[in-house]
C-alpha cells in the first residue's frame, strides 16, 4: 500500500519530533527544512522500492509457468526474489 503525501509528511514530522525529544539531534536549520528533507528521503526510498517491485515482477514473469507447475507460493516467492534484488542493489528493505 502506497502512502499519500500527507501520510509521508506525518511520518517525517513524527521522526523529527522524536529525534528532537530524545535529544538525538539539535537543529541547525528550521524544523520545516529538516522535516522536508526527511520527507524527500522517505519518498525516494518508496520510489526505489517500487522500482525493485517492478524488477521482481519482471523476473517472476520469466518463471510464471514453472511457478504454476511446481505450485510455488507466489507471495513467498515474490518476497524472496525482492529481497535478493534489493540486496544485490544495496537497498535495505
N, C-alpha and C. Protein backbone atom coordinates (compact mmCIF):
# COMPACT_ATOMS: atom_id res chain seq x y z
N UNK A 1 0.84 -1.17 0.00
CA UNK A 1 0.00 0.00 0.00
C UNK A 1 0.89 1.24 0.00
N UNK A 2 0.69 2.08 -0.98
CA UNK A 2 1.48 3.30 -1.08
C UNK A 2 0.89 4.37 -0.15
N UNK A 3 1.78 5.14 0.42
CA UNK A 3 1.35 6.23 1.30
C UNK A 3 1.13 7.49 0.47
N UNK A 4 0.16 8.29 0.89
CA UNK A 4 -0.04 9.56 0.19
C UNK A 4 0.88 10.62 0.80
N UNK A 5 0.88 11.81 0.18
CA UNK A 5 1.80 12.86 0.60
C UNK A 5 1.58 13.31 2.04
N UNK A 6 0.32 13.40 2.47
CA UNK A 6 0.03 13.79 3.86
C UNK A 6 0.57 12.76 4.85
N UNK A 7 0.41 11.49 4.52
CA UNK A 7 0.89 10.42 5.40
C UNK A 7 2.41 10.45 5.50
N UNK A 8 3.07 10.66 4.37
CA UNK A 8 4.53 10.73 4.37
C UNK A 8 5.00 11.93 5.20
N UNK A 9 4.33 13.06 5.03
CA UNK A 9 4.68 14.25 5.82
C UNK A 9 4.50 13.97 7.32
N UNK A 10 3.39 13.32 7.67
CA UNK A 10 3.11 13.00 9.08
C UNK A 10 4.24 12.13 9.65
N UNK A 11 4.66 11.13 8.90
CA UNK A 11 5.72 10.24 9.36
C UNK A 11 7.04 11.01 9.50
N UNK A 12 7.36 11.84 8.52
CA UNK A 12 8.59 12.63 8.58
C UNK A 12 8.59 13.56 9.79
N UNK A 13 7.46 14.21 10.02
CA UNK A 13 7.33 15.11 11.17
C UNK A 13 7.49 14.34 12.48
N UNK A 14 6.89 13.17 12.54
CA UNK A 14 6.97 12.33 13.74
C UNK A 14 8.42 11.90 14.00
N UNK A 15 9.13 11.53 12.95
CA UNK A 15 10.53 11.13 13.08
C UNK A 15 11.36 12.28 13.65
N UNK A 16 11.21 13.46 13.05
CA UNK A 16 11.98 14.62 13.50
C UNK A 16 11.62 14.98 14.94
N UNK A 17 10.34 15.00 15.27
CA UNK A 17 9.92 15.32 16.65
C UNK A 17 10.50 14.33 17.65
N UNK A 18 10.49 13.05 17.31
CA UNK A 18 11.02 12.02 18.20
C UNK A 18 12.52 12.21 18.40
N UNK A 19 13.25 12.47 17.32
CA UNK A 19 14.69 12.68 17.43
C UNK A 19 15.01 13.90 18.29
N UNK A 20 14.23 14.96 18.14
CA UNK A 20 14.43 16.17 18.95
C UNK A 20 14.11 15.87 20.42
N UNK A 21 12.96 15.25 20.66
CA UNK A 21 12.51 14.96 22.03
C UNK A 21 13.51 14.07 22.78
N UNK A 22 14.11 13.12 22.08
CA UNK A 22 15.07 12.21 22.72
C UNK A 22 16.47 12.80 22.79
N UNK A 23 16.61 14.01 22.27
CA UNK A 23 17.92 14.66 22.32
C UNK A 23 18.94 14.06 21.38
N UNK A 24 18.49 13.38 20.36
CA UNK A 24 19.40 12.73 19.42
C UNK A 24 19.89 13.67 18.33
N UNK A 25 19.16 14.77 18.13
CA UNK A 25 19.61 15.77 17.17
C UNK A 25 19.36 17.17 17.74
N UNK A 26 20.17 18.09 17.28
CA UNK A 26 19.95 19.51 17.57
C UNK A 26 19.86 20.20 16.22
N UNK A 27 18.81 20.95 16.03
CA UNK A 27 18.57 21.56 14.73
C UNK A 27 19.48 22.75 14.49
N UNK A 28 20.12 22.76 13.33
CA UNK A 28 20.91 23.90 12.91
C UNK A 28 20.16 24.68 11.84
N UNK A 29 19.04 24.12 11.40
CA UNK A 29 18.15 24.77 10.43
C UNK A 29 16.75 24.73 11.01
N UNK A 30 15.86 25.46 10.39
CA UNK A 30 14.47 25.45 10.84
C UNK A 30 13.89 24.05 10.71
N UNK A 31 13.02 23.70 11.65
CA UNK A 31 12.42 22.37 11.67
C UNK A 31 11.74 22.01 10.34
N UNK A 32 10.97 22.90 9.72
CA UNK A 32 10.33 22.53 8.44
C UNK A 32 11.32 22.11 7.36
N UNK A 33 12.52 22.68 7.37
CA UNK A 33 13.55 22.29 6.40
C UNK A 33 13.98 20.85 6.64
N UNK A 34 14.15 20.50 7.90
CA UNK A 34 14.57 19.15 8.26
C UNK A 34 13.45 18.15 7.96
N UNK A 35 12.22 18.51 8.30
CA UNK A 35 11.08 17.63 8.02
C UNK A 35 10.97 17.40 6.52
N UNK A 36 11.15 18.45 5.73
CA UNK A 36 11.07 18.31 4.27
C UNK A 36 12.17 17.39 3.75
N UNK A 37 13.36 17.50 4.33
CA UNK A 37 14.46 16.61 3.93
C UNK A 37 14.12 15.15 4.22
N UNK A 38 13.60 14.89 5.42
CA UNK A 38 13.21 13.53 5.79
C UNK A 38 12.09 13.04 4.88
N UNK A 39 11.13 13.90 4.59
CA UNK A 39 10.01 13.55 3.69
C UNK A 39 10.54 13.17 2.31
N UNK A 40 11.45 13.96 1.78
CA UNK A 40 12.03 13.66 0.47
C UNK A 40 12.77 12.33 0.48
N UNK A 41 13.48 12.07 1.57
CA UNK A 41 14.21 10.81 1.70
C UNK A 41 13.24 9.63 1.72
N UNK A 42 12.15 9.76 2.46
CA UNK A 42 11.13 8.70 2.50
C UNK A 42 10.51 8.48 1.13
N UNK A 43 10.24 9.57 0.41
CA UNK A 43 9.67 9.46 -0.93
C UNK A 43 10.64 8.78 -1.90
N UNK A 44 11.92 9.12 -1.79
CA UNK A 44 12.92 8.49 -2.65
C UNK A 44 13.03 6.99 -2.37
N UNK A 45 13.00 6.63 -1.09
CA UNK A 45 13.04 5.22 -0.72
C UNK A 45 11.81 4.48 -1.22
N UNK A 46 10.65 5.11 -1.12
CA UNK A 46 9.42 4.49 -1.61
C UNK A 46 9.49 4.28 -3.12
N UNK A 47 10.02 5.26 -3.83
CA UNK A 47 10.17 5.13 -5.28
C UNK A 47 11.15 4.02 -5.63
N UNK A 48 12.22 3.94 -4.90
CA UNK A 48 13.23 2.89 -5.13
C UNK A 48 12.62 1.51 -4.89
N UNK A 49 11.81 1.40 -3.85
CA UNK A 49 11.17 0.11 -3.57
C UNK A 49 10.19 -0.25 -4.68
N UNK A 50 9.48 0.72 -5.23
CA UNK A 50 8.58 0.45 -6.36
C UNK A 50 9.36 -0.08 -7.56
N UNK A 51 10.53 0.50 -7.80
CA UNK A 51 11.38 0.04 -8.90
C UNK A 51 11.82 -1.40 -8.67
N UNK A 52 12.16 -1.73 -7.45
CA UNK A 52 12.56 -3.10 -7.12
C UNK A 52 11.37 -4.04 -7.29
N UNK A 53 10.18 -3.60 -6.90
CA UNK A 53 8.97 -4.40 -7.12
C UNK A 53 8.79 -4.71 -8.61
N UNK A 54 8.99 -3.70 -9.45
CA UNK A 54 8.84 -3.89 -10.90
C UNK A 54 9.87 -4.89 -11.43
N UNK A 55 11.10 -4.77 -10.98
CA UNK A 55 12.14 -5.72 -11.40
C UNK A 55 11.79 -7.13 -10.95
N UNK A 56 11.24 -7.23 -9.75
CA UNK A 56 10.85 -8.53 -9.22
C UNK A 56 9.74 -9.14 -10.06
N UNK A 57 8.75 -8.34 -10.41
CA UNK A 57 7.65 -8.82 -11.25
C UNK A 57 8.14 -9.28 -12.62
N UNK A 58 9.08 -8.54 -13.20
CA UNK A 58 9.64 -8.94 -14.49
C UNK A 58 10.39 -10.26 -14.37
N UNK A 59 11.13 -10.42 -13.30
CA UNK A 59 11.86 -11.67 -13.06
C UNK A 59 10.89 -12.84 -12.93
N UNK A 60 9.86 -12.64 -12.14
CA UNK A 60 8.88 -13.69 -11.90
C UNK A 60 8.14 -14.06 -13.19
N UNK A 61 7.89 -13.07 -14.02
CA UNK A 61 7.20 -13.32 -15.30
C UNK A 61 7.95 -14.36 -16.13
N UNK A 62 9.26 -14.35 -16.06
CA UNK A 62 10.07 -15.31 -16.81
C UNK A 62 9.90 -16.74 -16.30
N UNK A 63 9.43 -16.90 -15.08
CA UNK A 63 9.28 -18.22 -14.47
C UNK A 63 7.82 -18.55 -14.15
N UNK A 64 6.91 -17.84 -14.78
CA UNK A 64 5.48 -17.99 -14.47
C UNK A 64 5.00 -19.44 -14.63
N UNK A 65 5.36 -20.07 -15.71
CA UNK A 65 4.91 -21.46 -15.95
C UNK A 65 5.51 -22.41 -14.92
N UNK A 66 6.76 -22.26 -14.63
CA UNK A 66 7.42 -23.12 -13.65
C UNK A 66 6.80 -22.94 -12.27
N UNK A 67 6.45 -21.72 -11.92
CA UNK A 67 5.82 -21.43 -10.64
C UNK A 67 4.48 -22.15 -10.54
N UNK A 68 3.71 -22.10 -11.62
CA UNK A 68 2.41 -22.79 -11.64
C UNK A 68 2.58 -24.30 -11.55
N UNK A 69 3.51 -24.83 -12.34
CA UNK A 69 3.71 -26.28 -12.38
C UNK A 69 4.18 -26.83 -11.04
N UNK A 70 5.01 -26.10 -10.36
CA UNK A 70 5.57 -26.58 -9.10
C UNK A 70 4.77 -26.11 -7.89
N UNK A 71 3.65 -25.44 -8.15
CA UNK A 71 2.74 -24.99 -7.10
C UNK A 71 3.48 -24.19 -6.02
N UNK A 72 4.28 -23.25 -6.47
CA UNK A 72 5.07 -22.41 -5.57
C UNK A 72 4.18 -21.29 -5.02
N UNK A 73 4.32 -21.00 -3.74
CA UNK A 73 3.59 -19.89 -3.12
C UNK A 73 4.11 -18.59 -3.73
N UNK A 74 3.26 -17.94 -4.51
CA UNK A 74 3.69 -16.75 -5.25
C UNK A 74 4.08 -15.60 -4.34
N UNK A 75 3.38 -15.41 -3.24
CA UNK A 75 3.69 -14.30 -2.33
C UNK A 75 5.07 -14.51 -1.69
N UNK A 76 5.34 -15.73 -1.24
CA UNK A 76 6.64 -16.01 -0.63
C UNK A 76 7.77 -15.90 -1.66
N UNK A 77 7.49 -16.40 -2.86
CA UNK A 77 8.48 -16.34 -3.93
C UNK A 77 8.79 -14.88 -4.28
N UNK A 78 7.74 -14.05 -4.36
CA UNK A 78 7.91 -12.63 -4.65
C UNK A 78 8.80 -11.98 -3.60
N UNK A 79 8.51 -12.22 -2.32
CA UNK A 79 9.29 -11.62 -1.24
C UNK A 79 10.74 -12.09 -1.27
N UNK A 80 10.95 -13.37 -1.57
CA UNK A 80 12.30 -13.91 -1.61
C UNK A 80 13.11 -13.24 -2.74
N UNK A 81 12.51 -13.16 -3.92
CA UNK A 81 13.20 -12.55 -5.05
C UNK A 81 13.42 -11.06 -4.81
N UNK A 82 12.42 -10.40 -4.24
CA UNK A 82 12.53 -8.97 -3.95
C UNK A 82 13.70 -8.72 -2.99
N UNK A 83 13.81 -9.53 -1.96
CA UNK A 83 14.92 -9.38 -1.00
C UNK A 83 16.27 -9.54 -1.71
N UNK A 84 16.35 -10.53 -2.61
CA UNK A 84 17.61 -10.77 -3.31
C UNK A 84 17.97 -9.62 -4.24
N UNK A 85 16.98 -9.10 -4.96
CA UNK A 85 17.24 -7.97 -5.85
C UNK A 85 17.64 -6.74 -5.03
N UNK A 86 16.92 -6.49 -3.95
CA UNK A 86 17.24 -5.33 -3.10
C UNK A 86 18.66 -5.45 -2.54
N UNK A 87 19.00 -6.63 -2.07
CA UNK A 87 20.34 -6.85 -1.52
C UNK A 87 21.40 -6.63 -2.58
N UNK A 88 21.17 -7.17 -3.77
CA UNK A 88 22.13 -7.02 -4.87
C UNK A 88 22.33 -5.54 -5.22
N UNK A 89 21.26 -4.75 -5.09
CA UNK A 89 21.34 -3.33 -5.44
C UNK A 89 21.68 -2.44 -4.24
N UNK A 90 21.96 -3.06 -3.10
CA UNK A 90 22.37 -2.30 -1.92
C UNK A 90 21.24 -1.51 -1.27
N UNK A 91 20.02 -2.00 -1.43
CA UNK A 91 18.86 -1.33 -0.85
C UNK A 91 18.34 -2.14 0.32
N UNK A 92 18.16 -1.50 1.45
CA UNK A 92 17.66 -2.18 2.65
C UNK A 92 16.15 -2.04 2.69
N UNK A 93 15.48 -3.19 2.74
CA UNK A 93 14.01 -3.18 2.81
C UNK A 93 13.54 -2.97 4.23
